[in-house]
């Protein structure tokens, strides 16, 4: 049988599913690079410089 019987219950919806995030949600966000708040243009410039094959640069560990 390839069809759903007419008297079966409706499809189950997982209560843990997150709601869809629409454009309005993202328009309310704040652009940040690290802890510093920046303009969208500044953030996009930083992202453009990131090379996917290079790990993020971190400070060198200093002896105590």
Protein backbone atom coordinates (compact mmCIF):
# COMPACT_ATOMS: atom_id res chain seq x y z
CA UNK A 1 0.00 0.00 0.00
CA UNK A 2 1.50 3.36 -1.01
CA UNK A 3 -1.08 5.78 0.37
CA UNK A 4 -1.98 6.82 3.89
CA UNK A 5 -5.26 5.37 5.16
CA UNK A 6 -8.02 8.00 5.43
CA UNK A 7 -8.72 7.31 9.10
CA UNK A 8 -5.10 7.53 10.33
CA UNK A 9 -3.91 10.30 12.64
CA UNK A 10 -2.28 13.45 11.32
CA UNK A 11 1.49 13.61 10.93
CA UNK A 12 3.45 13.86 14.16
CA UNK A 13 5.35 17.11 14.73
CA UNK A 14 8.45 17.02 16.92
CA UNK A 15 7.93 19.52 19.78
CA UNK A 16 11.71 20.05 19.98
CA UNK A 17 11.93 21.40 16.42
CA UNK A 18 13.21 24.98 16.33
CA UNK A 19 11.07 27.61 14.59
CA UNK A 20 12.08 28.83 11.16
CA UNK A 21 14.29 31.91 11.27
CA UNK A 22 13.12 34.56 8.83
CA UNK A 23 15.08 37.53 7.41
CA UNK A 24 13.58 39.84 10.05
CA UNK A 25 15.33 37.85 12.78
CA UNK A 26 18.74 38.34 11.20
CA UNK A 27 18.13 42.03 10.49
CA UNK A 28 17.87 42.62 14.25
CA UNK A 29 21.30 41.12 14.93
CA UNK A 30 24.52 42.89 15.83
CA UNK A 31 27.68 42.40 13.77
CA UNK A 32 30.68 41.46 15.92
CA UNK A 33 34.27 40.50 15.30
CA UNK A 34 35.41 38.86 18.51
CA UNK A 35 33.94 40.99 21.26
CA UNK A 36 34.00 44.21 19.22
CA UNK A 37 30.83 45.54 17.61
CA UNK A 38 31.47 46.45 13.95
CA UNK A 39 29.58 47.58 10.88
CA UNK A 40 28.37 44.94 8.40
CA UNK A 41 30.99 46.13 5.91
CA UNK A 42 33.82 45.70 8.45
CA UNK A 43 32.62 42.20 9.36
CA UNK A 44 32.35 41.16 5.71
CA UNK A 45 35.89 42.45 5.09
CA UNK A 46 37.21 40.30 7.94
CA UNK A 47 35.34 37.23 6.67
CA UNK A 48 36.69 37.79 3.15
CA UNK A 49 40.26 37.60 4.53
CA UNK A 50 39.72 34.20 6.18
CA UNK A 51 41.11 31.30 4.21
CA UNK A 52 39.23 28.07 4.91
CA UNK A 53 42.40 25.98 4.96
CA UNK A 54 44.10 28.08 7.66
CA UNK A 55 43.27 27.71 11.34
CA UNK A 56 42.37 30.92 13.20
CA UNK A 57 45.35 32.87 14.50
CA UNK A 58 45.70 32.85 18.25
CA UNK A 59 48.12 34.52 20.60
CA UNK A 60 51.28 32.54 21.27
CA UNK A 61 51.38 30.94 24.69
CA UNK A 62 53.79 32.75 26.98
CA UNK A 63 55.73 31.04 29.75
CA UNK A 64 54.63 31.94 33.24
